[in-house]
Amino acid sequence: RTPEQVRDDVHAFVARVRRALPRVPIFWLSIKPSPSRQALLPQMQQANALVRADLGHVADTHYVDVATPMLGADGLPDPALFREDRLHMRPAGYALWTQALGPALHARLDPVTKP
């Protein structure tokens, strides 16, 4: 899919969720880079940028960047985060996701749960 198609698909998904569940916050995790799909990295980055910009116009949607922390100093996916298939993550990859997603969830949901 092209980056524009990805953005349009995300937009349509968010619209469907909003129709069915208008008060539910939506958290969108960026497309993760992986060594096995390294050739697609420029398209993934463009799709992530388009989705991030689009979600910026939709109330109570939250773009969570899990992609950037997964890149090494060379700008490529860090192979240490992935299993031998170079696609699926090791626990260290999920730990990075937790570090990215946790603060976003707490920032949005903590005020709701406090008396």
PDB file of N, CA and C in Angstrom:
ATOM      1  N   ARG A   1       0.838  -1.176   0.000  1.00  0.00           N
ATOM      2  CA  ARG A   1       0.000   0.000   0.000  1.00  0.00           C
ATOM      3  C   ARG A   1       0.884   1.241   0.000  1.00  0.00           C
ATOM      4  N   THR A   2       0.413   2.266  -0.638  1.00  0.00           N
ATOM      5  CA  THR A   2       1.167   3.514  -0.657  1.00  0.00           C
ATOM      6  C   THR A   2       0.991   4.217   0.696  1.00  0.00           C
ATOM      7  N   PRO A   3       1.887   5.150   1.017  1.00  0.00           N
ATOM      8  CA  PRO A   3       1.704   5.907   2.257  1.00  0.00           C
ATOM      9  C   PRO A   3       0.345   6.621   2.320  1.00  0.00           C
ATOM     10  N   GLU A   4      -0.105   7.126   1.198  1.00  0.00           N
ATOM     11  CA  GLU A   4      -1.402   7.804   1.164  1.00  0.00           C
ATOM     12  C   GLU A   4      -2.552   6.829   1.429  1.00  0.00           C
ATOM     13  N   GLN A   5      -2.439   5.616   0.900  1.00  0.00           N
ATOM     14  CA  GLN A   5      -3.465   4.604   1.160  1.00  0.00           C
ATOM     15  C   GLN A   5      -3.485   4.216   2.638  1.00  0.00           C
ATOM     16  N   VAL A   6      -2.317   4.116   3.240  1.00  0.00           N
ATOM     17  CA  VAL A   6      -2.247   3.799   4.670  1.00  0.00           C
ATOM     18  C   VAL A   6      -2.937   4.906   5.469  1.00  0.00           C
ATOM     19  N   ARG A   7      -2.599   6.154   5.171  1.00  0.00           N
ATOM     20  CA  ARG A   7      -3.249   7.285   5.856  1.00  0.00           C
ATOM     21  C   ARG A   7      -4.764   7.234   5.685  1.00  0.00           C
ATOM     22  N   ASP A   8      -5.221   6.983   4.467  1.00  0.00           N
ATOM     23  CA  ASP A   8      -6.661   6.934   4.203  1.00  0.00           C
ATOM     24  C   ASP A   8      -7.319   5.776   4.940  1.00  0.00           C
ATOM     25  N   ASP A   9      -6.649   4.642   5.014  1.00  0.00           N
ATOM     26  CA  ASP A   9      -7.185   3.490   5.750  1.00  0.00           C
ATOM     27  C   ASP A   9      -7.293   3.799   7.241  1.00  0.00           C
ATOM     28  N   VAL A  10      -6.276   4.428   7.799  1.00  0.00           N
ATOM     29  CA  VAL A  10      -6.312   4.796   9.217  1.00  0.00           C
ATOM     30  C   VAL A  10      -7.443   5.800   9.450  1.00  0.00           C
ATOM     31  N   HIS A  11      -7.562   6.764   8.572  1.00  0.00           N
ATOM     32  CA  HIS A  11      -8.622   7.769   8.702  1.00  0.00           C
ATOM     33  C   HIS A  11     -10.003   7.094   8.690  1.00  0.00           C
ATOM     34  N   ALA A  12     -10.204   6.154   7.768  1.00  0.00           N
ATOM     35  CA  ALA A  12     -11.489   5.447   7.685  1.00  0.00           C
ATOM     36  C   ALA A  12     -11.737   4.617   8.950  1.00  0.00           C
ATOM     37  N   PHE A  13     -10.691   3.977   9.457  1.00  0.00           N
ATOM     38  CA  PHE A  13     -10.819   3.192  10.691  1.00  0.00           C
ATOM     39  C   PHE A  13     -11.241   4.091  11.858  1.00  0.00           C
ATOM     40  N   VAL A  14     -10.574   5.215  11.996  1.00  0.00           N
ATOM     41  CA  VAL A  14     -10.890   6.142  13.087  1.00  0.00           C
ATOM     42  C   VAL A  14     -12.333   6.640  12.950  1.00  0.00           C
ATOM     43  N   ALA A  15     -12.769   6.930  11.750  1.00  0.00           N
ATOM     44  CA  ALA A  15     -14.150   7.391  11.531  1.00  0.00           C
ATOM     45  C   ALA A  15     -15.147   6.315  11.943  1.00  0.00           C
ATOM     46  N   ARG A  16     -14.852   5.045  11.613  1.00  0.00           N
ATOM     47  CA  ARG A  16     -15.748   3.948  12.014  1.00  0.00           C
ATOM     48  C   ARG A  16     -15.803   3.803  13.525  1.00  0.00           C
ATOM     49  N   VAL A  17     -14.655   3.888  14.165  1.00  0.00           N
ATOM     50  CA  VAL A  17     -14.622   3.793  15.626  1.00  0.00           C
ATOM     51  C   VAL A  17     -15.406   4.954  16.237  1.00  0.00           C
ATOM     52  N   ARG A  18     -15.202   6.149  15.726  1.00  0.00           N
ATOM     53  CA  ARG A  18     -15.895   7.321  16.258  1.00  0.00           C
ATOM     54  C   ARG A  18     -17.413   7.198  16.122  1.00  0.00           C
ATOM     55  N   ARG A  19     -17.885   6.629  15.021  1.00  0.00           N
ATOM     56  CA  ARG A  19     -19.333   6.452  14.853  1.00  0.00           C
ATOM     57  C   ARG A  19     -19.882   5.482  15.895  1.00  0.00           C
ATOM     58  N   ALA A  20     -19.166   4.386  16.114  1.00  0.00           N
ATOM     59  CA  ALA A  20     -19.646   3.349  17.032  1.00  0.00           C
ATOM     60  C   ALA A  20     -19.361   3.673  18.499  1.00  0.00           C
ATOM     61  N   LEU A  21     -18.223   4.296  18.761  1.00  0.00           N
ATOM     62  CA  LEU A  21     -17.773   4.557  20.129  1.00  0.00           C
ATOM     63  C   LEU A  21     -17.221   5.979  20.217  1.00  0.00           C
ATOM     64  N   PRO A  22     -18.078   6.973  20.185  1.00  0.00           N
ATOM     65  CA  PRO A  22     -17.614   8.356  20.064  1.00  0.00           C
ATOM     66  C   PRO A  22     -16.756   8.867  21.222  1.00  0.00           C
ATOM     67  N   ARG A  23     -16.847   8.271  22.392  1.00  0.00           N
ATOM     68  CA  ARG A  23     -16.113   8.783  23.560  1.00  0.00           C
ATOM     69  C   ARG A  23     -14.847   7.989  23.872  1.00  0.00           C
ATOM     70  N   VAL A  24     -14.539   6.996  23.063  1.00  0.00           N
ATOM     71  CA  VAL A  24     -13.372   6.155  23.324  1.00  0.00           C
ATOM     72  C   VAL A  24     -12.124   6.798  22.717  1.00  0.00           C
ATOM     73  N   PRO A  25     -11.074   6.975  23.518  1.00  0.00           N
ATOM     74  CA  PRO A  25      -9.826   7.507  22.952  1.00  0.00           C
ATOM     75  C   PRO A  25      -9.189   6.467  22.035  1.00  0.00           C
ATOM     76  N   ILE A  26      -8.497   6.950  21.043  1.00  0.00           N
ATOM     77  CA  ILE A  26      -7.827   6.061  20.088  1.00  0.00           C
ATOM     78  C   ILE A  26      -6.330   6.339  20.149  1.00  0.00           C
ATOM     79  N   PHE A  27      -5.551   5.285  20.339  1.00  0.00           N
ATOM     80  CA  PHE A  27      -4.097   5.368  20.329  1.00  0.00           C
ATOM     81  C   PHE A  27      -3.607   4.593  19.124  1.00  0.00           C
ATOM     82  N   TRP A  28      -2.843   5.257  18.284  1.00  0.00           N
ATOM     83  CA  TRP A  28      -2.323   4.629  17.068  1.00  0.00           C
ATOM     84  C   TRP A  28      -0.821   4.502  17.191  1.00  0.00           C
ATOM     85  N   LEU A  29      -0.328   3.260  17.092  1.00  0.00           N
ATOM     86  CA  LEU A  29       1.116   3.037  17.112  1.00  0.00           C
ATOM     87  C   LEU A  29       1.652   3.118  15.695  1.00  0.00           C
ATOM     88  N   SER A  30       2.743   3.838  15.539  1.00  0.00           N
ATOM     89  CA  SER A  30       3.364   3.980  14.226  1.00  0.00           C
ATOM     90  C   SER A  30       3.745   2.615  13.666  1.00  0.00           C
ATOM     91  N   ILE A  31       3.954   2.582  12.377  1.00  0.00           N
ATOM     92  CA  ILE A  31       4.427   1.359  11.728  1.00  0.00           C
ATOM     93  C   ILE A  31       5.844   1.103  12.219  1.00  0.00           C
ATOM     94  N   LYS A  32       6.089  -0.098  12.698  1.00  0.00           N
ATOM     95  CA  LYS A  32       7.425  -0.399  13.219  1.00  0.00           C
ATOM     96  C   LYS A  32       8.364  -0.756  12.079  1.00  0.00           C
ATOM     97  N   PRO A  33       9.573  -0.263  12.154  1.00  0.00           N
ATOM     98  CA  PRO A  33      10.583  -0.675  11.174  1.00  0.00           C
ATOM     99  C   PRO A  33      11.144  -2.032  11.582  1.00  0.00           C
ATOM    100  N   SER A  34      11.499  -2.830  10.634  1.00  0.00           N
ATOM    101  CA  SER A  34      12.141  -4.113  10.934  1.00  0.00           C
ATOM    102  C   SER A  34      13.206  -4.391   9.876  1.00  0.00           C
ATOM    103  N   PRO A  35      14.241  -5.117  10.261  1.00  0.00           N
ATOM    104  CA  PRO A  35      15.289  -5.421   9.281  1.00  0.00           C
ATOM    105  C   PRO A  35      14.767  -6.158   8.050  1.00  0.00           C
ATOM    106  N   SER A  36      13.767  -7.011   8.231  1.00  0.00           N
ATOM    107  CA  SER A  36      13.260  -7.773   7.085  1.00  0.00           C
ATOM    108  C   SER A  36      12.523  -6.896   6.079  1.00  0.00           C
ATOM    109  N   ARG A  37      12.085  -5.737   6.506  1.00  0.00           N
ATOM    110  CA  ARG A  37      11.361  -4.818   5.619  1.00  0.00           C
ATOM    111  C   ARG A  37      12.089  -3.483   5.482  1.00  0.00           C
ATOM    112  N   GLN A  38      13.382  -3.533   5.665  1.00  0.00           N
ATOM    113  CA  GLN A  38      14.208  -2.325   5.645  1.00  0.00           C
ATOM    114  C   GLN A  38      14.083  -1.554   4.334  1.00  0.00           C
ATOM    115  N   ALA A  39      13.900  -2.253   3.235  1.00  0.00           N
ATOM    116  CA  ALA A  39      13.774  -1.581   1.937  1.00  0.00           C
ATOM    117  C   ALA A  39      12.536  -0.690   1.878  1.00  0.00           C
ATOM    118  N   LEU A  40      11.547  -0.977   2.724  1.00  0.00           N
ATOM    119  CA  LEU A  40      10.314  -0.187   2.746  1.00  0.00           C
ATOM    120  C   LEU A  40      10.362   0.965   3.745  1.00  0.00           C
ATOM    121  N   LEU A  41      11.490   1.150   4.416  1.00  0.00           N
ATOM    122  CA  LEU A  41      11.592   2.160   5.472  1.00  0.00           C
ATOM    123  C   LEU A  41      11.181   3.565   5.013  1.00  0.00           C
ATOM    124  N   PRO A  42      11.617   4.043   3.853  1.00  0.00           N
ATOM    125  CA  PRO A  42      11.175   5.393   3.442  1.00  0.00           C
ATOM    126  C   PRO A  42       9.655   5.511   3.311  1.00  0.00           C
ATOM    127  N   GLN A  43       9.007   4.491   2.759  1.00  0.00           N
ATOM    128  CA  GLN A  43       7.551   4.518   2.619  1.00  0.00           C
ATOM    129  C   GLN A  43       6.878   4.448   3.993  1.00  0.00           C
ATOM    130  N   MET A  44       7.437   3.634   4.900  1.00  0.00           N
ATOM    131  CA  MET A  44       6.886   3.541   6.255  1.00  0.00           C
ATOM    132  C   MET A  44       6.983   4.888   6.960  1.00  0.00           C
ATOM    133  N   GLN A  45       8.115   5.536   6.818  1.00  0.00           N
ATOM    134  CA  GLN A  45       8.301   6.830   7.463  1.00  0.00           C
ATOM    135  C   GLN A  45       7.351   7.873   6.891  1.00  0.00           C
ATOM    136  N   GLN A  46       7.141   7.835   5.580  1.00  0.00           N
ATOM    137  CA  GLN A  46       6.200   8.764   4.966  1.00  0.00           C
ATOM    138  C   GLN A  46       4.775   8.471   5.434  1.00  0.00           C
ATOM    139  N   ALA A  47       4.404   7.197   5.482  1.00  0.00           N
ATOM    140  CA  ALA A  47       3.066   6.828   5.962  1.00  0.00           C
ATOM    141  C   ALA A  47       2.883   7.279   7.408  1.00  0.00           C
ATOM    142  N   ASN A  48       3.888   7.053   8.242  1.00  0.00           N
ATOM    143  CA  ASN A  48       3.795   7.477   9.638  1.00  0.00           C
ATOM    144  C   ASN A  48       3.603   8.985   9.734  1.00  0.00           C
ATOM    145  N   ALA A  49       4.321   9.748   8.940  1.00  0.00           N
ATOM    146  CA  ALA A  49       4.188  11.208   8.966  1.00  0.00           C
ATOM    147  C   ALA A  49       2.791  11.641   8.518  1.00  0.00           C
ATOM    148  N   LEU A  50       2.272  11.008   7.497  1.00  0.00           N
ATOM    149  CA  LEU A  50       0.929  11.345   7.011  1.00  0.00           C
ATOM    150  C   LEU A  50      -0.136  11.002   8.045  1.00  0.00           C
ATOM    151  N   VAL A  51      -0.016   9.842   8.664  1.00  0.00           N
ATOM    152  CA  VAL A  51      -0.985   9.432   9.686  1.00  0.00           C
ATOM    153  C   VAL A  51      -0.910  10.375  10.878  1.00  0.00           C
ATOM    154  N   ARG A  52       0.301  10.677  11.307  1.00  0.00           N
ATOM    155  CA  ARG A  52       0.469  11.587  12.458  1.00  0.00           C
ATOM    156  C   ARG A  52      -0.194  12.936  12.185  1.00  0.00           C
ATOM    157  N   ALA A  53       0.028  13.484  11.001  1.00  0.00           N
ATOM    158  CA  ALA A  53      -0.572  14.771  10.647  1.00  0.00           C
ATOM    159  C   ALA A  53      -2.094  14.671  10.597  1.00  0.00           C
ATOM    160  N   ASP A  54      -2.610  13.601  10.025  1.00  0.00           N
ATOM    161  CA  ASP A  54      -4.053  13.429   9.910  1.00  0.00           C
ATOM    162  C   ASP A  54      -4.703  13.283  11.285  1.00  0.00           C
ATOM    163  N   LEU A  55      -4.098  12.489  12.151  1.00  0.00           N
ATOM    164  CA  LEU A  55      -4.674  12.291  13.481  1.00  0.00           C
ATOM    165  C   LEU A  55      -4.621  13.566  14.315  1.00  0.00           C
ATOM    166  N   GLY A  56      -3.708  14.457  13.973  1.00  0.00           N
ATOM    167  CA  GLY A  56      -3.625  15.727  14.677  1.00  0.00           C
ATOM    168  C   GLY A  56      -4.875  16.580  14.528  1.00  0.00           C
ATOM    169  N   HIS A  57      -5.720  16.238  13.568  1.00  0.00           N
ATOM    170  CA  HIS A  57      -6.956  16.990  13.325  1.00  0.00           C
ATOM    171  C   HIS A  57      -8.182  16.288  13.899  1.00  0.00           C
ATOM    172  N   VAL A  58      -7.986  15.170  14.582  1.00  0.00           N
ATOM    173  CA  VAL A  58      -9.110  14.381  15.090  1.00  0.00           C
ATOM    174  C   VAL A  58      -9.040  14.362  16.615  1.00  0.00           C
ATOM    175  N   ALA A  59     -10.116  14.783  17.236  1.00  0.00           N
ATOM    176  CA  ALA A  59     -10.146  14.877  18.698  1.00  0.00           C
ATOM    177  C   ALA A  59      -9.919  13.516  19.364  1.00  0.00           C
ATOM    178  N   ASP A  60      -9.170  13.549  20.430  1.00  0.00           N
ATOM    179  CA  ASP A  60      -8.897  12.393  21.283  1.00  0.00           C
ATOM    180  C   ASP A  60      -8.322  11.194  20.531  1.00  0.00           C
ATOM    181  N   THR A  61      -7.473  11.507  19.549  1.00  0.00           N
ATOM    182  CA  THR A  61      -6.659  10.462  18.925  1.00  0.00           C
ATOM    183  C   THR A  61      -5.211  10.766  19.279  1.00  0.00           C
ATOM    184  N   HIS A  62      -4.435   9.721  19.450  1.00  0.00           N
ATOM    185  CA  HIS A  62      -3.077   9.877  19.953  1.00  0.00           C
ATOM    186  C   HIS A  62      -2.133   9.015  19.128  1.00  0.00           C
ATOM    187  N   TYR A  63      -1.228   9.652  18.449  1.00  0.00           N
ATOM    188  CA  TYR A  63      -0.212   8.970  17.653  1.00  0.00           C
ATOM    189  C   TYR A  63       0.957   8.660  18.578  1.00  0.00           C
ATOM    190  N   VAL A  64       1.366   7.402  18.627  1.00  0.00           N
ATOM    191  CA  VAL A  64       2.476   6.987  19.478  1.00  0.00           C
ATOM    192  C   VAL A  64       3.613   6.515  18.577  1.00  0.00           C
ATOM    193  N   ASP A  65       4.719   7.209  18.663  1.00  0.00           N
ATOM    194  CA  ASP A  65       5.877   6.889  17.828  1.00  0.00           C
ATOM    195  C   ASP A  65       6.699   5.769  18.470  1.00  0.00           C
ATOM    196  N   VAL A  66       6.515   4.561  17.956  1.00  0.00           N
ATOM    197  CA  VAL A  66       7.342   3.436  18.409  1.00  0.00           C
ATOM    198  C   VAL A  66       8.473   3.186  17.415  1.00  0.00           C
ATOM    199  N   ALA A  67       8.409   3.835  16.257  1.00  0.00           N
ATOM    200  CA  ALA A  67       9.388   3.589  15.197  1.00  0.00           C
ATOM    201  C   ALA A  67      10.740   4.220  15.497  1.00  0.00           C
ATOM    202  N   THR A  68      10.736   5.479  15.878  1.00  0.00           N
ATOM    203  CA  THR A  68      12.000   6.194  16.081  1.00  0.00           C
ATOM    204  C   THR A  68      12.913   5.519  17.101  1.00  0.00           C
ATOM    205  N   PRO A  69      12.399   5.084  18.262  1.00  0.00           N
ATOM    206  CA  PRO A  69      13.294   4.437  19.224  1.00  0.00           C
ATOM    207  C   PRO A  69      13.843   3.087  18.748  1.00  0.00           C
ATOM    208  N   MET A  70      13.258   2.550  17.683  1.00  0.00           N
ATOM    209  CA  MET A  70      13.700   1.257  17.172  1.00  0.00           C
ATOM    210  C   MET A  70      14.812   1.377  16.143  1.00  0.00           C
ATOM    211  N   LEU A  71      15.188   2.610  15.825  1.00  0.00           N
ATOM    212  CA  LEU A  71      16.243   2.841  14.845  1.00  0.00           C
ATOM    213  C   LEU A  71      17.585   3.008  15.540  1.00  0.00           C
ATOM    214  N   GLY A  72      18.609   2.477  14.924  1.00  0.00           N
ATOM    215  CA  GLY A  72      19.953   2.632  15.452  1.00  0.00           C
ATOM    216  C   GLY A  72      20.542   3.969  15.052  1.00  0.00           C
ATOM    217  N   ALA A  73      21.769   4.199  15.459  1.00  0.00           N
ATOM    218  CA  ALA A  73      22.461   5.450  15.135  1.00  0.00           C
ATOM    219  C   ALA A  73      22.591   5.642  13.630  1.00  0.00           C
ATOM    220  N   ASP A  74      22.572   4.542  12.880  1.00  0.00           N
ATOM    221  CA  ASP A  74      22.678   4.621  11.421  1.00  0.00           C
ATOM    222  C   ASP A  74      21.346   4.907  10.736  1.00  0.00           C
ATOM    223  N   GLY A  75      20.271   5.040  11.537  1.00  0.00           N
ATOM    224  CA  GLY A  75      18.952   5.316  10.973  1.00  0.00           C
ATOM    225  C   GLY A  75      18.214   4.097  10.478  1.00  0.00           C
ATOM    226  N   LEU A  76      18.776   2.920  10.694  1.00  0.00           N
ATOM    227  CA  LEU A  76      18.166   1.665  10.258  1.00  0.00           C
ATOM    228  C   LEU A  76      17.624   0.909  11.459  1.00  0.00           C
ATOM    229  N   PRO A  77      16.683  -0.017  11.226  1.00  0.00           N
ATOM    230  CA  PRO A  77      16.149  -0.798  12.338  1.00  0.00           C
ATOM    231  C   PRO A  77      17.267  -1.525  13.091  1.00  0.00           C
ATOM    232  N   ASP A  78      17.213  -1.464  14.406  1.00  0.00           N
ATOM    233  CA  ASP A  78      18.221  -2.092  15.254  1.00  0.00           C
ATOM    234  C   ASP A  78      17.990  -3.606  15.262  1.00  0.00           C
ATOM    235  N   PRO A  79      18.873  -4.394  14.653  1.00  0.00           N
ATOM    236  CA  PRO A  79      18.660  -5.840  14.566  1.00  0.00           C
ATOM    237  C   PRO A  79      18.625  -6.532  15.928  1.00  0.00           C
ATOM    238  N   ALA A  80      19.199  -5.921  16.956  1.00  0.00           N
ATOM    239  CA  ALA A  80      19.193  -6.529  18.286  1.00  0.00           C
ATOM    240  C   ALA A  80      17.781  -6.613  18.873  1.00  0.00           C
ATOM    241  N   LEU A  81      16.852  -5.846  18.323  1.00  0.00           N
ATOM    242  CA  LEU A  81      15.483  -5.843  18.827  1.00  0.00           C
ATOM    243  C   LEU A  81      14.618  -6.942  18.217  1.00  0.00           C
ATOM    244  N   PHE A  82      15.185  -7.695  17.269  1.00  0.00           N
ATOM    245  CA  PHE A  82      14.380  -8.637  16.496  1.00  0.00           C
ATOM    246  C   PHE A  82      14.876 -10.073  16.614  1.00  0.00           C
ATOM    247  N   ARG A  83      13.939 -10.974  16.454  1.00  0.00           N
ATOM    248  CA  ARG A  83      14.256 -12.403  16.443  1.00  0.00           C
ATOM    249  C   ARG A  83      14.992 -12.739  15.145  1.00  0.00           C
ATOM    250  N   GLU A  84      15.340 -13.993  15.011  1.00  0.00           N
ATOM    251  CA  GLU A  84      16.119 -14.447  13.856  1.00  0.00           C
ATOM    252  C   GLU A  84      15.413 -14.196  12.526  1.00  0.00           C
ATOM    253  N   ASP A  85      14.077 -14.149  12.543  1.00  0.00           N
ATOM    254  CA  ASP A  85      13.347 -13.906  11.289  1.00  0.00           C
ATOM    255  C   ASP A  85      13.430 -12.446  10.840  1.00  0.00           C
ATOM    256  N   ARG A  86      14.016 -11.580  11.698  1.00  0.00           N
ATOM    257  CA  ARG A  86      14.228 -10.171  11.398  1.00  0.00           C
ATOM    258  C   ARG A  86      12.932  -9.376  11.236  1.00  0.00           C
ATOM    259  N   LEU A  87      11.814  -9.968  11.692  1.00  0.00           N
ATOM    260  CA  LEU A  87      10.515  -9.308  11.619  1.00  0.00           C
ATOM    261  C   LEU A  87       9.877  -9.171  13.003  1.00  0.00           C
ATOM    262  N   HIS A  88       9.853 -10.269  13.746  1.00  0.00           N
ATOM    263  CA  HIS A  88       9.211 -10.289  15.060  1.00  0.00           C
ATOM    264  C   HIS A  88      10.186  -9.841  16.139  1.00  0.00           C
ATOM    265  N   MET A  89       9.648  -9.131  17.114  1.00  0.00           N
ATOM    266  CA  MET A  89      10.507  -8.512  18.116  1.00  0.00           C
ATOM    267  C   MET A  89      10.886  -9.458  19.254  1.00  0.00           C
ATOM    268  N   ARG A  90      12.024  -9.144  19.826  1.00  0.00           N
ATOM    269  CA  ARG A  90      12.467  -9.754  21.076  1.00  0.00           C
ATOM    270  C   ARG A  90      11.850  -8.933  22.222  1.00  0.00           C
ATOM    271  N   PRO A  91      11.978  -9.406  23.450  1.00  0.00           N
ATOM    272  CA  PRO A  91      11.455  -8.625  24.585  1.00  0.00           C
ATOM    273  C   PRO A  91      11.981  -7.193  24.633  1.00  0.00           C
ATOM    274  N   ALA A  92      13.212  -6.966  24.208  1.00  0.00           N
ATOM    275  CA  ALA A  92      13.756  -5.601  24.217  1.00  0.00           C
ATOM    276  C   ALA A  92      12.955  -4.666  23.309  1.00  0.00           C
ATOM    277  N   GLY A  93      12.439  -5.173  22.201  1.00  0.00           N
ATOM    278  CA  GLY A  93      11.601  -4.365  21.319  1.00  0.00           C
ATOM    279  C   GLY A  93      10.291  -3.992  21.989  1.00  0.00           C
ATOM    280  N   TYR A  94       9.691  -4.960  22.671  1.00  0.00           N
ATOM    281  CA  TYR A  94       8.449  -4.675  23.384  1.00  0.00           C
ATOM    282  C   TYR A  94       8.684  -3.720  24.554  1.00  0.00           C
ATOM    283  N   ALA A  95       9.856  -3.786  25.159  1.00  0.00           N
ATOM    284  CA  ALA A  95      10.186  -2.852  26.236  1.00  0.00           C
ATOM    285  C   ALA A  95      10.223  -1.418  25.699  1.00  0.00           C
ATOM    286  N   LEU A  96      10.764  -1.244  24.492  1.00  0.00           N
ATOM    287  CA  LEU A  96      10.757   0.090  23.878  1.00  0.00           C
ATOM    288  C   LEU A  96       9.328   0.569  23.629  1.00  0.00           C
ATOM    289  N   TRP A  97       8.474  -0.341  23.181  1.00  0.00           N
ATOM    290  CA  TRP A  97       7.078   0.019  22.946  1.00  0.00           C
ATOM    291  C   TRP A  97       6.415   0.453  24.253  1.00  0.00           C
ATOM    292  N   THR A  98       6.702  -0.275  25.321  1.00  0.00           N
ATOM    293  CA  THR A  98       6.135   0.063  26.625  1.00  0.00           C
ATOM    294  C   THR A  98       6.582   1.449  27.051  1.00  0.00           C
ATOM    295  N   GLN A  99       7.850   1.767  26.821  1.00  0.00           N
ATOM    296  CA  GLN A  99       8.373   3.085  27.175  1.00  0.00           C
ATOM    297  C   GLN A  99       7.694   4.197  26.371  1.00  0.00           C
ATOM    298  N   ALA A 100       7.323   3.904  25.137  1.00  0.00           N
ATOM    299  CA  ALA A 100       6.669   4.904  24.286  1.00  0.00           C
ATOM    300  C   ALA A 100       5.171   5.006  24.583  1.00  0.00           C
ATOM    301  N   LEU A 101       4.531   3.874  24.777  1.00  0.00           N
ATOM    302  CA  LEU A 101       3.075   3.855  24.932  1.00  0.00           C
ATOM    303  C   LEU A 101       2.629   4.209  26.347  1.00  0.00           C
ATOM    304  N   GLY A 102       3.376   3.777  27.346  1.00  0.00           N
ATOM    305  CA  GLY A 102       2.975   4.004  28.734  1.00  0.00           C
ATOM    306  C   GLY A 102       2.683   5.456  29.057  1.00  0.00           C
ATOM    307  N   PRO A 103       3.606   6.362  28.786  1.00  0.00           N
ATOM    308  CA  PRO A 103       3.335   7.770  29.106  1.00  0.00           C
ATOM    309  C   PRO A 103       2.126   8.343  28.353  1.00  0.00           C
ATOM    310  N   ALA A 104       1.947   7.938  27.110  1.00  0.00           N
ATOM    311  CA  ALA A 104       0.798   8.436  26.342  1.00  0.00           C
ATOM    312  C   ALA A 104      -0.516   7.954  26.957  1.00  0.00           C
ATOM    313  N   LEU A 105      -0.562   6.695  27.347  1.00  0.00           N
ATOM    314  CA  LEU A 105      -1.773   6.167  27.981  1.00  0.00           C
ATOM    315  C   LEU A 105      -2.040   6.859  29.315  1.00  0.00           C
ATOM    316  N   HIS A 106      -1.006   6.976  30.125  1.00  0.00           N
ATOM    317  CA  HIS A 106      -1.190   7.600  31.437  1.00  0.00           C
ATOM    318  C   HIS A 106      -1.604   9.068  31.308  1.00  0.00           C
ATOM    319  N   ALA A 107      -1.011   9.776  30.372  1.00  0.00           N
ATOM    320  CA  ALA A 107      -1.350  11.194  30.196  1.00  0.00           C
ATOM    321  C   ALA A 107      -2.824  11.364  29.839  1.00  0.00           C
ATOM    322  N   ARG A 108      -3.345  10.458  29.045  1.00  0.00           N
ATOM    323  CA  ARG A 108      -4.749  10.563  28.623  1.00  0.00           C
ATOM    324  C   ARG A 108      -5.716   9.941  29.629  1.00  0.00           C
ATOM    325  N   LEU A 109      -5.346   8.816  30.209  1.00  0.00           N
ATOM    326  CA  LEU A 109      -6.302   8.065  31.014  1.00  0.00           C
ATOM    327  C   LEU A 109      -6.250   8.378  32.504  1.00  0.00           C
ATOM    328  N   ASP A 110      -5.126   8.791  33.027  1.00  0.00           N
ATOM    329  CA  ASP A 110      -5.042   9.066  34.470  1.00  0.00           C
ATOM    330  C   ASP A 110      -6.062  10.113  34.930  1.00  0.00           C
ATOM    331  N   PRO A 111      -6.235  11.216  34.216  1.00  0.00           N
ATOM    332  CA  PRO A 111      -7.232  12.191  34.678  1.00  0.00           C
ATOM    333  C   PRO A 111      -8.641  11.612  34.747  1.00  0.00           C
ATOM    334  N   VAL A 112      -8.925  10.617  33.904  1.00  0.00           N
ATOM    335  CA  VAL A 112     -10.252  10.008  33.882  1.00  0.00           C
ATOM    336  C   VAL A 112     -10.473   9.158  35.117  1.00  0.00           C
ATOM    337  N   THR A 113      -9.439   8.483  35.581  1.00  0.00           N
ATOM    338  CA  THR A 113      -9.586   7.546  36.684  1.00  0.00           C
ATOM    339  C   THR A 113      -9.431   8.200  38.044  1.00  0.00           C
ATOM    340  N   LYS A 114      -8.941   9.434  38.110  1.00  0.00           N
ATOM    341  CA  LYS A 114      -8.789  10.115  39.402  1.00  0.00           C
ATOM    342  C   LYS A 114     -10.138  10.653  39.853  1.00  0.00           C
ATOM    343  N   PRO A 115     -10.401  10.583  41.161  1.00  0.00           N
ATOM    344  CA  PRO A 115     -11.696  11.091  41.671  1.00  0.00           C
ATOM    345  C   PRO A 115     -11.814  12.595  41.529  1.00  0.00           C
TER     346      PRO A 115
END
